C-alpha cells in the first residue's frame, strides 16, 4: 500500500511540475522577411528598383547636377542615377563590388541620410 501511495504522489508531482512550465516557443518572435516589411510599410535596407526610374547622365539637371560637381562625387557620370517615381528624390550608385557607394539626394539635390540610418559615404563624414 505504501508503494502505491508513493507512486501516486510521484505521478501527481510530475504532472503538477509539467503543467506549471511555460511554453516559450509561442511567444518568441521570428525575424521578419523583407516582403513582410514591405507589406507592413516598413523600409527594407536595400534599394528597390521598382520605386525608381534610371536616368542618363545627360538627363540630370538643376540642383542635383550642381551637387554632383563636388569632389566627393567625382566620376558620378560613370555610375547610375535614379529618380524616385514619387518625385521626392534621387539615388546614385558608383563603383562595383567592395568599392560600390550609394548616395541619396532630396528633390532639391541636397545629400540625404541613407535609408539604412547611416550617412552618405562622403569623404567629409
PDB file of N, CA and C in Angstrom:
ATOM      1  N   UNK A   1       0.808  -1.182   0.000  1.00  0.00           N
ATOM      2  CA  UNK A   1       0.000   0.000   0.000  1.00  0.00           C
ATOM      3  C   UNK A   1       0.865   1.266   0.000  1.00  0.00           C
ATOM      4  N   UNK A   2       1.975   1.216   0.738  1.00  0.00           N
ATOM      5  CA  UNK A   2       2.863   2.363   0.793  1.00  0.00           C
ATOM      6  C   UNK A   2       3.452   2.643  -0.590  1.00  0.00           C
ATOM      7  N   UNK A   3       3.765   1.573  -1.324  1.00  0.00           N
ATOM      8  CA  UNK A   3       4.351   1.742  -2.655  1.00  0.00           C
ATOM      9  C   UNK A   3       3.356   2.372  -3.619  1.00  0.00           C
ATOM     10  N   UNK A   4       2.120   1.993  -3.511  1.00  0.00           N
ATOM     11  CA  UNK A   4       1.080   2.558  -4.372  1.00  0.00           C
ATOM     12  C   UNK A   4       0.875   4.027  -4.055  1.00  0.00           C
ATOM     13  N   UNK A   5       0.859   4.380  -2.799  1.00  0.00           N
ATOM     14  CA  UNK A   5       0.705   5.770  -2.376  1.00  0.00           C
ATOM     15  C   UNK A   5       1.911   6.594  -2.816  1.00  0.00           C
ATOM     16  N   UNK A   6       3.100   6.066  -2.697  1.00  0.00           N
ATOM     17  CA  UNK A   6       4.324   6.763  -3.114  1.00  0.00           C
ATOM     18  C   UNK A   6       4.313   6.971  -4.631  1.00  0.00           C
ATOM     19  N   UNK A   7       3.933   5.975  -5.385  1.00  0.00           N
ATOM     20  CA  UNK A   7       3.872   6.085  -6.837  1.00  0.00           C
ATOM     21  C   UNK A   7       2.852   7.139  -7.257  1.00  0.00           C
ATOM     22  N   UNK A   8       1.710   7.161  -6.612  1.00  0.00           N
ATOM     23  CA  UNK A   8       0.681   8.151  -6.924  1.00  0.00           C
ATOM     24  C   UNK A   8       1.173   9.557  -6.610  1.00  0.00           C
ATOM     25  N   UNK A   9       1.907   9.709  -5.511  1.00  0.00           N
ATOM     26  CA  UNK A   9       2.453  11.011  -5.129  1.00  0.00           C
ATOM     27  C   UNK A   9       3.488  11.482  -6.149  1.00  0.00           C
ATOM     28  N   UNK A  10       4.351  10.580  -6.636  1.00  0.00           N
ATOM     29  CA  UNK A  10       5.366  10.941  -7.628  1.00  0.00           C
ATOM     30  C   UNK A  10       4.712  11.345  -8.945  1.00  0.00           C
ATOM     31  N   UNK A  11       3.706  10.597  -9.371  1.00  0.00           N
ATOM     32  CA  UNK A  11       2.999  10.923 -10.612  1.00  0.00           C
ATOM     33  C   UNK A  11       2.305  12.269 -10.481  1.00  0.00           C
ATOM     34  N   UNK A  12       1.685  12.531  -9.371  1.00  0.00           N
ATOM     35  CA  UNK A  12       0.992  13.809  -9.145  1.00  0.00           C
ATOM     36  C   UNK A  12       1.973  14.972  -9.172  1.00  0.00           C
ATOM     37  N   UNK A  13       3.123  14.798  -8.534  1.00  0.00           N
ATOM     38  CA  UNK A  13       4.136  15.859  -8.501  1.00  0.00           C
ATOM     39  C   UNK A  13       4.683  16.133  -9.895  1.00  0.00           C
ATOM     40  N   UNK A  14       4.906  15.093 -10.683  1.00  0.00           N
ATOM     41  CA  UNK A  14       5.414  15.248 -12.052  1.00  0.00           C
ATOM     42  C   UNK A  14       4.400  15.981 -12.923  1.00  0.00           C
ATOM     43  N   UNK A  15       3.137  15.616 -12.803  1.00  0.00           N
ATOM     44  CA  UNK A  15       2.075  16.271 -13.584  1.00  0.00           C
ATOM     45  C   UNK A  15       1.973  17.740 -13.191  1.00  0.00           C
ATOM     46  N   UNK A  16       2.035  18.038 -11.926  1.00  0.00           N
ATOM     47  CA  UNK A  16       1.929  19.422 -11.455  1.00  0.00           C
ATOM     48  C   UNK A  16       3.118  20.251 -11.943  1.00  0.00           C
ATOM     49  N   UNK A  17       4.304  19.685 -11.880  1.00  0.00           N
ATOM     50  CA  UNK A  17       5.502  20.404 -12.321  1.00  0.00           C
ATOM     51  C   UNK A  17       5.456  20.667 -13.824  1.00  0.00           C
ATOM     52  N   UNK A  18       5.020  19.693 -14.588  1.00  0.00           N
ATOM     53  CA  UNK A  18       4.924  19.847 -16.040  1.00  0.00           C
ATOM     54  C   UNK A  18       3.864  20.876 -16.417  1.00  0.00           C
ATOM     55  N   UNK A  19       2.782  20.909 -15.716  1.00  0.00           N
ATOM     56  CA  UNK A  19       1.693  21.839 -16.015  1.00  0.00           C
ATOM     57  C   UNK A  19       2.095  23.275 -15.731  1.00  0.00           C
ATOM     58  N   UNK A  20       3.030  23.486 -14.834  1.00  0.00           N
ATOM     59  CA  UNK A  20       3.433  24.839 -14.468  1.00  0.00           C
ATOM     60  C   UNK A  20       4.493  25.411 -15.404  1.00  0.00           C
ATOM     61  N   UNK A  21       5.115  24.585 -16.223  1.00  0.00           N
ATOM     62  CA  UNK A  21       6.122  25.078 -17.147  1.00  0.00           C
ATOM     63  C   UNK A  21       5.453  25.923 -18.224  1.00  0.00           C
ATOM     64  N   UNK A  22       6.067  27.032 -18.542  1.00  0.00           N
ATOM     65  CA  UNK A  22       5.512  27.955 -19.527  1.00  0.00           C
ATOM     66  C   UNK A  22       6.062  27.621 -20.908  1.00  0.00           C
ATOM     67  N   UNK A  23       5.205  27.593 -21.889  1.00  0.00           N
ATOM     68  CA  UNK A  23       5.611  27.329 -23.264  1.00  0.00           C
ATOM     69  C   UNK A  23       6.117  28.636 -23.871  1.00  0.00           C
ATOM     70  N   UNK A  24       7.424  28.748 -24.034  1.00  0.00           N
ATOM     71  CA  UNK A  24       8.002  29.982 -24.564  1.00  0.00           C
ATOM     72  C   UNK A  24       8.116  29.975 -26.079  1.00  0.00           C
ATOM     73  N   UNK A  25       7.887  28.856 -26.718  1.00  0.00           N
ATOM     74  CA  UNK A  25       8.027  28.807 -28.170  1.00  0.00           C
ATOM     75  C   UNK A  25       6.972  29.644 -28.873  1.00  0.00           C
ATOM     76  N   UNK A  26       5.811  29.781 -28.281  1.00  0.00           N
ATOM     77  CA  UNK A  26       4.744  30.552 -28.913  1.00  0.00           C
ATOM     78  C   UNK A  26       4.985  32.052 -28.789  1.00  0.00           C
ATOM     79  N   UNK A  27       5.777  32.489 -27.820  1.00  0.00           N
ATOM     80  CA  UNK A  27       5.974  33.925 -27.610  1.00  0.00           C
ATOM     81  C   UNK A  27       7.219  34.466 -28.293  1.00  0.00           C
ATOM     82  N   UNK A  28       8.082  33.606 -28.818  1.00  0.00           N
ATOM     83  CA  UNK A  28       9.275  34.071 -29.490  1.00  0.00           C
ATOM     84  C   UNK A  28       8.909  34.603 -30.867  1.00  0.00           C
ATOM     85  N   UNK A  29       9.425  35.804 -31.178  1.00  0.00           N
ATOM     86  CA  UNK A  29       9.138  36.402 -32.476  1.00  0.00           C
ATOM     87  C   UNK A  29      10.209  36.006 -33.473  1.00  0.00           C
ATOM     88  N   UNK A  30       9.772  35.649 -34.651  1.00  0.00           N
ATOM     89  CA  UNK A  30      10.682  35.314 -35.725  1.00  0.00           C
ATOM     90  C   UNK A  30      11.049  36.595 -36.463  1.00  0.00           C
ATOM     91  N   UNK A  31      12.281  36.709 -36.969  1.00  0.00           N
ATOM     92  CA  UNK A  31      12.647  37.894 -37.747  1.00  0.00           C
ATOM     93  C   UNK A  31      11.747  38.008 -38.973  1.00  0.00           C
ATOM     94  N   UNK A  32      11.381  39.253 -39.294  1.00  0.00           N
ATOM     95  CA  UNK A  32      10.527  39.471 -40.459  1.00  0.00           C
ATOM     96  C   UNK A  32      11.349  39.436 -41.730  1.00  0.00           C
ATOM     97  N   UNK A  33      10.760  38.872 -42.758  1.00  0.00           N
ATOM     98  CA  UNK A  33      11.419  38.863 -44.053  1.00  0.00           C
ATOM     99  C   UNK A  33      11.205  40.208 -44.719  1.00  0.00           C
ATOM    100  N   UNK A  34      11.943  40.447 -45.772  1.00  0.00           N
ATOM    101  CA  UNK A  34      11.823  41.717 -46.483  1.00  0.00           C
ATOM    102  C   UNK A  34      10.408  41.917 -47.019  1.00  0.00           C
ATOM    103  N   UNK A  35       9.787  40.855 -47.552  1.00  0.00           N
ATOM    104  CA  UNK A  35       8.433  41.000 -48.094  1.00  0.00           C
ATOM    105  C   UNK A  35       7.438  41.350 -46.985  1.00  0.00           C
ATOM    106  N   UNK A  36       7.661  40.813 -45.776  1.00  0.00           N
ATOM    107  CA  UNK A  36       6.786  41.175 -44.659  1.00  0.00           C
ATOM    108  C   UNK A  36       6.977  42.637 -44.286  1.00  0.00           C
ATOM    109  N   UNK A  37       8.216  43.140 -44.333  1.00  0.00           N
ATOM    110  CA  UNK A  37       8.475  44.542 -44.032  1.00  0.00           C
ATOM    111  C   UNK A  37       7.789  45.445 -45.041  1.00  0.00           C
ATOM    112  N   UNK A  38       7.888  45.071 -46.322  1.00  0.00           N
ATOM    113  CA  UNK A  38       7.277  45.881 -47.361  1.00  0.00           C
ATOM    114  C   UNK A  38       5.762  45.894 -47.219  1.00  0.00           C
ATOM    115  N   UNK A  39       5.171  44.754 -46.867  1.00  0.00           N
ATOM    116  CA  UNK A  39       3.726  44.686 -46.706  1.00  0.00           C
ATOM    117  C   UNK A  39       3.268  45.555 -45.541  1.00  0.00           C
ATOM    118  N   UNK A  40       4.109  45.697 -44.540  1.00  0.00           N
ATOM    119  CA  UNK A  40       3.747  46.492 -43.379  1.00  0.00           C
ATOM    120  C   UNK A  40       4.196  47.937 -43.533  1.00  0.00           C
ATOM    121  N   UNK A  41       4.726  48.295 -44.691  1.00  0.00           N
ATOM    122  CA  UNK A  41       5.099  49.672 -44.947  1.00  0.00           C
ATOM    123  C   UNK A  41       6.399  50.088 -44.295  1.00  0.00           C
ATOM    124  N   UNK A  42       7.198  49.145 -43.869  1.00  0.00           N
ATOM    125  CA  UNK A  42       8.467  49.477 -43.251  1.00  0.00           C
ATOM    126  C   UNK A  42       9.559  49.349 -44.297  1.00  0.00           C
ATOM    127  N   UNK A  43      10.490  50.301 -44.325  1.00  0.00           N
ATOM    128  CA  UNK A  43      11.526  50.250 -45.340  1.00  0.00           C
ATOM    129  C   UNK A  43      12.467  49.081 -45.140  1.00  0.00           C
ATOM    130  N   UNK A  44      12.897  48.503 -46.243  1.00  0.00           N
ATOM    131  CA  UNK A  44      13.927  47.483 -46.183  1.00  0.00           C
ATOM    132  C   UNK A  44      15.273  48.167 -46.128  1.00  0.00           C
ATOM    133  N   UNK A  45      16.328  47.420 -46.221  1.00  0.00           N
ATOM    134  CA  UNK A  45      17.625  48.057 -46.158  1.00  0.00           C
ATOM    135  C   UNK A  45      18.326  48.056 -47.506  1.00  0.00           C
ATOM    136  N   UNK A  46      17.578  47.910 -48.577  1.00  0.00           N
ATOM    137  CA  UNK A  46      18.171  47.903 -49.892  1.00  0.00           C
ATOM    138  C   UNK A  46      17.389  48.798 -50.843  1.00  0.00           C
ATOM    139  N   UNK A  47      18.081  49.222 -51.882  1.00  0.00           N
ATOM    140  CA  UNK A  47      17.487  49.994 -52.962  1.00  0.00           C
ATOM    141  C   UNK A  47      16.470  49.118 -53.677  1.00  0.00           C
ATOM    142  N   UNK A  48      15.279  49.645 -53.924  1.00  0.00           N
ATOM    143  CA  UNK A  48      14.239  48.876 -54.606  1.00  0.00           C
ATOM    144  C   UNK A  48      14.009  49.508 -55.973  1.00  0.00           C
ATOM    145  N   UNK A  49      14.502  48.861 -57.002  1.00  0.00           N
ATOM    146  CA  UNK A  49      14.475  49.414 -58.358  1.00  0.00           C
ATOM    147  C   UNK A  49      13.071  49.751 -58.844  1.00  0.00           C
ATOM    148  N   UNK A  50      12.053  49.051 -58.364  1.00  0.00           N
ATOM    149  CA  UNK A  50      10.701  49.320 -58.853  1.00  0.00           C
ATOM    150  C   UNK A  50      10.191  50.699 -58.412  1.00  0.00           C
ATOM    151  N   UNK A  51      10.835  51.311 -57.430  1.00  0.00           N
ATOM    152  CA  UNK A  51      10.426  52.626 -56.948  1.00  0.00           C
ATOM    153  C   UNK A  51      11.174  53.770 -57.633  1.00  0.00           C
ATOM    154  N   UNK A  52      12.097  53.440 -58.547  1.00  0.00           N
ATOM    155  CA  UNK A  52      12.940  54.448 -59.188  1.00  0.00           C
ATOM    156  C   UNK A  52      12.981  54.247 -60.697  1.00  0.00           C
ATOM    157  N   UNK A  53      13.292  55.328 -61.404  1.00  0.00           N
ATOM    158  CA  UNK A  53      13.496  55.298 -62.846  1.00  0.00           C
ATOM    159  C   UNK A  53      14.936  55.715 -63.114  1.00  0.00           C
ATOM    160  N   UNK A  54      15.664  54.917 -63.888  1.00  0.00           N
ATOM    161  CA  UNK A  54      17.059  55.247 -64.165  1.00  0.00           C
ATOM    162  C   UNK A  54      17.137  56.416 -65.140  1.00  0.00           C
ATOM    163  N   UNK A  55      18.078  57.311 -64.871  1.00  0.00           N
ATOM    164  CA  UNK A  55      18.318  58.468 -65.726  1.00  0.00           C
ATOM    165  C   UNK A  55      19.667  58.329 -66.412  1.00  0.00           C
ATOM    166  N   UNK A  56      19.782  58.915 -67.578  1.00  0.00           N
ATOM    167  CA  UNK A  56      21.077  59.050 -68.228  1.00  0.00           C
ATOM    168  C   UNK A  56      21.772  60.260 -67.606  1.00  0.00           C
ATOM    169  N   UNK A  57      23.093  60.277 -67.645  1.00  0.00           N
ATOM    170  CA  UNK A  57      23.846  61.403 -67.071  1.00  0.00           C
ATOM    171  C   UNK A  57      23.406  62.726 -67.699  1.00  0.00           C
ATOM    172  N   UNK A  58      23.030  62.709 -68.964  1.00  0.00           N
ATOM    173  CA  UNK A  58      22.607  63.944 -69.640  1.00  0.00           C
ATOM    174  C   UNK A  58      21.243  64.431 -69.158  1.00  0.00           C
ATOM    175  N   UNK A  59      20.465  63.545 -68.502  1.00  0.00           N
ATOM    176  CA  UNK A  59      19.143  63.913 -68.003  1.00  0.00           C
ATOM    177  C   UNK A  59      19.195  64.546 -66.615  1.00  0.00           C
ATOM    178  N   UNK A  60      20.348  64.490 -65.969  1.00  0.00           N
ATOM    179  CA  UNK A  60      20.496  65.075 -64.631  1.00  0.00           C
ATOM    180  C   UNK A  60      20.704  66.572 -64.803  1.00  0.00           C
ATOM    181  N   UNK A  61      19.788  67.340 -64.270  1.00  0.00           N
ATOM    182  CA  UNK A  61      19.864  68.793 -64.431  1.00  0.00           C
ATOM    183  C   UNK A  61      19.680  69.500 -63.089  1.00  0.00           C
ATOM    184  N   UNK A  62      19.816  70.799 -63.114  1.00  0.00           N
ATOM    185  CA  UNK A  62      19.500  71.642 -61.969  1.00  0.00           C
ATOM    186  C   UNK A  62      20.342  71.397 -60.731  1.00  0.00           C
ATOM    187  N   UNK A  63      19.683  71.497 -59.569  1.00  0.00           N
ATOM    188  CA  UNK A  63      20.410  71.427 -58.303  1.00  0.00           C
ATOM    189  C   UNK A  63      21.177  70.119 -58.091  1.00  0.00           C
ATOM    190  N   UNK A  64      20.654  69.005 -58.579  1.00  0.00           N
ATOM    191  CA  UNK A  64      21.369  67.743 -58.404  1.00  0.00           C
ATOM    192  C   UNK A  64      22.676  67.765 -59.185  1.00  0.00           C
ATOM    193  N   UNK A  65      22.640  68.256 -60.403  1.00  0.00           N
ATOM    194  CA  UNK A  65      23.864  68.332 -61.201  1.00  0.00           C
ATOM    195  C   UNK A  65      24.883  69.233 -60.504  1.00  0.00           C
ATOM    196  N   UNK A  66      24.428  70.333 -59.915  1.00  0.00           N
ATOM    197  CA  UNK A  66      25.322  71.233 -59.185  1.00  0.00           C
ATOM    198  C   UNK A  66      25.972  70.506 -58.014  1.00  0.00           C
ATOM    199  N   UNK A  67      25.183  69.751 -57.251  1.00  0.00           N
ATOM    200  CA  UNK A  67      25.714  68.995 -56.116  1.00  0.00           C
ATOM    201  C   UNK A  67      26.729  67.971 -56.579  1.00  0.00           C
ATOM    202  N   UNK A  68      26.439  67.293 -57.669  1.00  0.00           N
ATOM    203  CA  UNK A  68      27.313  66.228 -58.160  1.00  0.00           C
ATOM    204  C   UNK A  68      28.631  66.743 -58.727  1.00  0.00           C
ATOM    205  N   UNK A  69      28.759  68.048 -58.919  1.00  0.00           N
ATOM    206  CA  UNK A  69      30.013  68.614 -59.418  1.00  0.00           C
ATOM    207  C   UNK A  69      31.078  68.671 -58.319  1.00  0.00           C
ATOM    208  N   UNK A  70      30.673  68.433 -57.059  1.00  0.00           N
ATOM    209  CA  UNK A  70      31.632  68.447 -55.952  1.00  0.00           C
ATOM    210  C   UNK A  70      32.634  67.303 -56.052  1.00  0.00           C
ATOM    211  N   UNK A  71      33.813  67.493 -55.440  1.00  0.00           N
ATOM    212  CA  UNK A  71      34.884  66.496 -55.495  1.00  0.00           C
ATOM    213  C   UNK A  71      34.458  65.136 -54.940  1.00  0.00           C
ATOM    214  N   UNK A  72      33.582  65.117 -53.936  1.00  0.00           N
ATOM    215  CA  UNK A  72      33.196  63.855 -53.316  1.00  0.00           C
ATOM    216  C   UNK A  72      32.396  62.956 -54.257  1.00  0.00           C
ATOM    217  N   UNK A  73      31.859  63.523 -55.342  1.00  0.00           N
ATOM    218  CA  UNK A  73      31.075  62.735 -56.303  1.00  0.00           C
ATOM    219  C   UNK A  73      31.811  62.604 -57.645  1.00  0.00           C
ATOM    220  N   UNK A  74      33.107  62.838 -57.633  1.00  0.00           N
ATOM    221  CA  UNK A  74      33.896  62.790 -58.868  1.00  0.00           C
ATOM    222  C   UNK A  74      33.697  61.440 -59.553  1.00  0.00           C
ATOM    223  N   UNK A  75      33.404  61.469 -60.847  1.00  0.00           N
ATOM    224  CA  UNK A  75      33.175  60.256 -61.620  1.00  0.00           C
ATOM    225  C   UNK A  75      31.741  59.751 -61.563  1.00  0.00           C
ATOM    226  N   UNK A  76      30.831  60.559 -61.044  1.00  0.00           N
ATOM    227  CA  UNK A  76      29.431  60.134 -60.910  1.00  0.00           C
ATOM    228  C   UNK A  76      28.816  59.771 -62.257  1.00  0.00           C
ATOM    229  N   UNK A  77      29.330  60.359 -63.337  1.00  0.00           N
ATOM    230  CA  UNK A  77      28.781  60.103 -64.661  1.00  0.00           C
ATOM    231  C   UNK A  77      28.909  58.633 -65.060  1.00  0.00           C
ATOM    232  N   UNK A  78      29.878  57.930 -64.484  1.00  0.00           N
ATOM    233  CA  UNK A  78      30.082  56.506 -64.776  1.00  0.00           C
ATOM    234  C   UNK A  78      29.162  55.625 -63.929  1.00  0.00           C
ATOM    235  N   UNK A  79      28.519  56.224 -62.935  1.00  0.00           N
ATOM    236  CA  UNK A  79      27.607  55.481 -62.077  1.00  0.00           C
ATOM    237  C   UNK A  79      26.210  55.449 -62.661  1.00  0.00           C
ATOM    238  N   UNK A  80      25.255  55.076 -61.823  1.00  0.00           N
ATOM    239  CA  UNK A  80      23.856  55.040 -62.248  1.00  0.00           C
ATOM    240  C   UNK A  80      23.056  55.985 -61.365  1.00  0.00           C
ATOM    241  N   UNK A  81      22.269  56.835 -62.008  1.00  0.00           N
ATOM    242  CA  UNK A  81      21.432  57.791 -61.300  1.00  0.00           C
ATOM    243  C   UNK A  81      19.975  57.387 -61.495  1.00  0.00           C
ATOM    244  N   UNK A  82      19.236  57.397 -60.401  1.00  0.00           N
ATOM    245  CA  UNK A  82      17.824  57.040 -60.433  1.00  0.00           C
ATOM    246  C   UNK A  82      16.997  58.169 -59.826  1.00  0.00           C
ATOM    247  N   UNK A  83      15.805  58.397 -60.364  1.00  0.00           N
ATOM    248  CA  UNK A  83      14.856  59.367 -59.802  1.00  0.00           C
ATOM    249  C   UNK A  83      13.697  58.582 -59.208  1.00  0.00           C
ATOM    250  N   UNK A  84      13.286  58.987 -58.026  1.00  0.00           N
ATOM    251  CA  UNK A  84      12.152  58.351 -57.372  1.00  0.00           C
ATOM    252  C   UNK A  84      10.905  58.566 -58.211  1.00  0.00           C
ATOM    253  N   UNK A  85      10.089  57.524 -58.351  1.00  0.00           N
ATOM    254  CA  UNK A  85       8.852  57.647 -59.127  1.00  0.00           C
ATOM    255  C   UNK A  85       7.870  58.605 -58.466  1.00  0.00           C
ATOM    256  N   UNK A  86       8.037  58.843 -57.173  1.00  0.00           N
ATOM    257  CA  UNK A  86       7.167  59.793 -56.477  1.00  0.00           C
ATOM    258  C   UNK A  86       7.698  61.215 -56.608  1.00  0.00           C
ATOM    259  N   UNK A  87       8.903  61.366 -57.181  1.00  0.00           N
ATOM    260  CA  UNK A  87       9.473  62.682 -57.400  1.00  0.00           C
ATOM    261  C   UNK A  87      10.090  63.315 -56.163  1.00  0.00           C
ATOM    262  N   UNK A  88      10.309  62.520 -55.105  1.00  0.00           N
ATOM    263  CA  UNK A  88      10.817  63.121 -53.876  1.00  0.00           C
ATOM    264  C   UNK A  88      12.319  62.959 -53.682  1.00  0.00           C
ATOM    265  N   UNK A  89      13.035  62.443 -54.671  1.00  0.00           N
ATOM    266  CA  UNK A  89      14.472  62.353 -54.501  1.00  0.00           C
ATOM    267  C   UNK A  89      15.176  61.538 -55.558  1.00  0.00           C
ATOM    268  N   UNK A  90      16.486  61.380 -55.345  1.00  0.00           N
ATOM    269  CA  UNK A  90      17.352  60.691 -56.290  1.00  0.00           C
ATOM    270  C   UNK A  90      18.248  59.711 -55.543  1.00  0.00           C
ATOM    271  N   UNK A  91      18.769  58.760 -56.296  1.00  0.00           N
ATOM    272  CA  UNK A  91      19.673  57.738 -55.775  1.00  0.00           C
ATOM    273  C   UNK A  91      20.811  57.605 -56.764  1.00  0.00           C
ATOM    274  N   UNK A  92      22.046  57.591 -56.271  1.00  0.00           N
ATOM    275  CA  UNK A  92      23.221  57.441 -57.123  1.00  0.00           C
ATOM    276  C   UNK A  92      24.044  56.283 -56.592  1.00  0.00           C
ATOM    277  N   UNK A  93      24.455  55.408 -57.482  1.00  0.00           N
ATOM    278  CA  UNK A  93      25.362  54.327 -57.102  1.00  0.00           C
ATOM    279  C   UNK A  93      26.586  54.409 -57.998  1.00  0.00           C
ATOM    280  N   UNK A  94      27.753  54.330 -57.385  1.00  0.00           N
ATOM    281  CA  UNK A  94      29.010  54.390 -58.126  1.00  0.00           C
ATOM    282  C   UNK A  94      29.871  53.198 -57.734  1.00  0.00           C
ATOM    283  N   UNK A  95      30.770  52.808 -58.605  1.00  0.00           N
ATOM    284  CA  UNK A  95      31.674  51.704 -58.326  1.00  0.00           C
ATOM    285  C   UNK A  95      30.971  50.364 -58.390  1.00  0.00           C
ATOM    286  N   UNK A  96      31.748  49.305 -58.128  1.00  0.00           N
ATOM    287  CA  UNK A  96      31.201  47.952 -58.121  1.00  0.00           C
ATOM    288  C   UNK A  96      31.827  47.162 -56.981  1.00  0.00           C
ATOM    289  N   UNK A  97      31.170  46.109 -56.588  1.00  0.00           N
ATOM    290  CA  UNK A  97      31.708  45.223 -55.554  1.00  0.00           C
ATOM    291  C   UNK A  97      32.011  45.949 -54.258  1.00  0.00           C
ATOM    292  N   UNK A  98      33.229  45.754 -53.760  1.00  0.00           N
ATOM    293  CA  UNK A  98      33.637  46.363 -52.491  1.00  0.00           C
ATOM    294  C   UNK A  98      33.816  47.871 -52.576  1.00  0.00           C
ATOM    295  N   UNK A  99      33.933  48.407 -53.789  1.00  0.00           N
ATOM    296  CA  UNK A  99      34.123  49.846 -53.941  1.00  0.00           C
ATOM    297  C   UNK A  99      32.813  50.572 -54.231  1.00  0.00           C
ATOM    298  N   UNK A 100      31.696  49.846 -54.244  1.00  0.00           N
ATOM    299  CA  UNK A 100      30.395  50.460 -54.534  1.00  0.00           C
ATOM    300  C   UNK A 100      30.010  51.438 -53.425  1.00  0.00           C
ATOM    301  N   UNK A 101      29.493  52.578 -53.830  1.00  0.00           N
ATOM    302  CA  UNK A 101      28.998  53.579 -52.884  1.00  0.00           C
ATOM    303  C   UNK A 101      27.616  54.019 -53.336  1.00  0.00           C
ATOM    304  N   UNK A 102      26.735  54.241 -52.382  1.00  0.00           N
ATOM    305  CA  UNK A 102      25.375  54.671 -52.669  1.00  0.00           C
ATOM    306  C   UNK A 102      25.134  56.022 -52.025  1.00  0.00           C
ATOM    307  N   UNK A 103      24.511  56.909 -52.772  1.00  0.00           N
ATOM    308  CA  UNK A 103      24.214  58.256 -52.296  1.00  0.00           C
ATOM    309  C   UNK A 103      22.726  58.524 -52.485  1.00  0.00           C
ATOM    310  N   UNK A 104      22.160  59.283 -51.577  1.00  0.00           N
ATOM    311  CA  UNK A 104      20.744  59.635 -51.638  1.00  0.00           C
ATOM    312  C   UNK A 104      20.621  61.150 -51.600  1.00  0.00           C
ATOM    313  N   UNK A 105      19.709  61.678 -52.414  1.00  0.00           N
ATOM    314  CA  UNK A 105      19.519  63.127 -52.524  1.00  0.00           C
ATOM    315  C   UNK A 105      18.034  63.446 -52.493  1.00  0.00           C
ATOM    316  N   UNK A 106      17.701  64.573 -51.902  1.00  0.00           N
ATOM    317  CA  UNK A 106      16.328  65.039 -51.909  1.00  0.00           C
ATOM    318  C   UNK A 106      15.992  65.646 -53.255  1.00  0.00           C
ATOM    319  N   UNK A 107      14.725  66.021 -53.431  1.00  0.00           N
ATOM    320  CA  UNK A 107      14.321  66.594 -54.720  1.00  0.00           C
ATOM    321  C   UNK A 107      15.010  67.920 -54.979  1.00  0.00           C
ATOM    322  N   UNK A 108      15.549  68.540 -53.913  1.00  0.00           N
ATOM    323  CA  UNK A 108      16.289  69.791 -54.061  1.00  0.00           C
ATOM    324  C   UNK A 108      17.753  69.559 -54.427  1.00  0.00           C
ATOM    325  N   UNK A 109      18.149  68.289 -54.584  1.00  0.00           N
ATOM    326  CA  UNK A 109      19.509  67.957 -54.974  1.00  0.00           C
ATOM    327  C   UNK A 109      20.495  67.865 -53.820  1.00  0.00           C
ATOM    328  N   UNK A 110      20.053  68.104 -52.599  1.00  0.00           N
ATOM    329  CA  UNK A 110      20.952  68.063 -51.450  1.00  0.00           C
ATOM    330  C   UNK A 110      21.075  66.641 -50.918  1.00  0.00           C
ATOM    331  N   UNK A 111      22.284  66.287 -50.462  1.00  0.00           N
ATOM    332  CA  UNK A 111      22.558  64.953 -49.943  1.00  0.00           C
ATOM    333  C   UNK A 111      21.694  64.678 -48.715  1.00  0.00           C
ATOM    334  N   UNK A 112      21.204  63.435 -48.628  1.00  0.00           N
ATOM    335  CA  UNK A 112      20.376  62.993 -47.509  1.00  0.00           C
ATOM    336  C   UNK A 112      21.057  61.858 -46.775  1.00  0.00           C
ATOM    337  N   UNK A 113      20.562  61.582 -45.581  1.00  0.00           N
ATOM    338  CA  UNK A 113      20.992  60.401 -44.832  1.00  0.00           C
ATOM    339  C   UNK A 113      20.443  59.177 -45.555  1.00  0.00           C
ATOM    340  N   UNK A 114      21.212  58.102 -45.589  1.00  0.00           N
ATOM    341  CA  UNK A 114      20.754  56.897 -46.274  1.00  0.00           C
ATOM    342  C   UNK A 114      19.592  56.266 -45.526  1.00  0.00           C
ATOM    343  N   UNK A 115      18.714  55.510 -46.211  1.00  0.00           N
ATOM    344  CA  UNK A 115      17.578  54.857 -45.566  1.00  0.00           C
ATOM    345  C   UNK A 115      17.975  53.870 -44.478  1.00  0.00           C
ATOM    346  N   UNK A 116      19.197  53.349 -44.545  1.00  0.00           N
ATOM    347  CA  UNK A 116      19.640  52.392 -43.542  1.00  0.00           C
ATOM    348  C   UNK A 116      19.970  53.065 -42.220  1.00  0.00           C
ATOM    349  N   UNK A 117      19.923  54.383 -42.177  1.00  0.00           N
ATOM    350  CA  UNK A 117      20.219  55.095 -40.951  1.00  0.00           C
ATOM    351  C   UNK A 117      21.645  55.609 -40.895  1.00  0.00           C
ATOM    352  N   UNK A 118      22.455  55.218 -41.868  1.00  0.00           N
ATOM    353  CA  UNK A 118      23.831  55.727 -41.914  1.00  0.00           C
ATOM    354  C   UNK A 118      23.863  57.033 -42.668  1.00  0.00           C
ATOM    355  N   UNK A 119      25.034  57.481 -42.980  1.00  0.00           N
ATOM    356  CA  UNK A 119      25.160  58.707 -43.742  1.00  0.00           C
ATOM    357  C   UNK A 119      25.664  58.367 -45.132  1.00  0.00           C
ATOM    358  N   UNK A 120      25.555  59.310 -46.028  1.00  0.00           N
ATOM    359  CA  UNK A 120      26.137  59.129 -47.349  1.00  0.00           C
ATOM    360  C   UNK A 120      27.622  58.898 -47.177  1.00  0.00           C
ATOM    361  N   UNK A 121      28.227  58.030 -47.974  1.00  0.00           N
ATOM    362  CA  UNK A 121      29.658  57.751 -47.816  1.00  0.00           C
ATOM    363  C   UNK A 121      30.506  58.850 -48.415  1.00  0.00           C
ATOM    364  N   UNK A 122      30.344  60.043 -47.923  1.00  0.00           N
ATOM    365  CA  UNK A 122      31.098  61.190 -48.425  1.00  0.00           C
ATOM    366  C   UNK A 122      32.426  61.277 -47.703  1.00  0.00           C
ATOM    367  N   UNK A 123      33.415  61.889 -48.332  1.00  0.00           N
ATOM    368  CA  UNK A 123      34.751  61.990 -47.743  1.00  0.00           C
ATOM    369  C   UNK A 123      34.763  62.807 -46.461  1.00  0.00           C
ATOM    370  N   UNK A 124      33.847  63.761 -46.325  1.00  0.00           N
ATOM    371  CA  UNK A 124      33.868  64.625 -45.143  1.00  0.00           C
ATOM    372  C   UNK A 124      33.079  64.057 -43.995  1.00  0.00           C
ATOM    373  N   UNK A 125      32.538  62.850 -44.076  1.00  0.00           N
ATOM    374  CA  UNK A 125      31.791  62.217 -42.984  1.00  0.00           C
ATOM    375  C   UNK A 125      32.693  61.339 -42.159  1.00  0.00           C
TER     376      UNK A 125
END
